[in-house]
Amino acid sequence: MRVEVDLQACAGHGQCAATAPGVFALDDDGFVLPVGEISEDARDEALQGAAACPEHAIEVVE
């Protein structure tokens, strides 16, 4: 399972990291860092973080 982030679409709102800090981190400018592979245990948190993105820039791929 992996998290794909459209870095072009990310506007730096930071809602992903605020909602799912165990999965998402932000760079110094507030933009989400690439995530890549995640464990099954992180699935629900990743989905919540992706859903919080107002730009729909995050997808959890199973």
Foldseek 3Di string as FASTA:
>chain_A
DFKAFQQVQWPLPLQLCVQQVVQWDADPSRTTDGGTDDDPVCVVSNVRSCVRRPSSGMDDDD
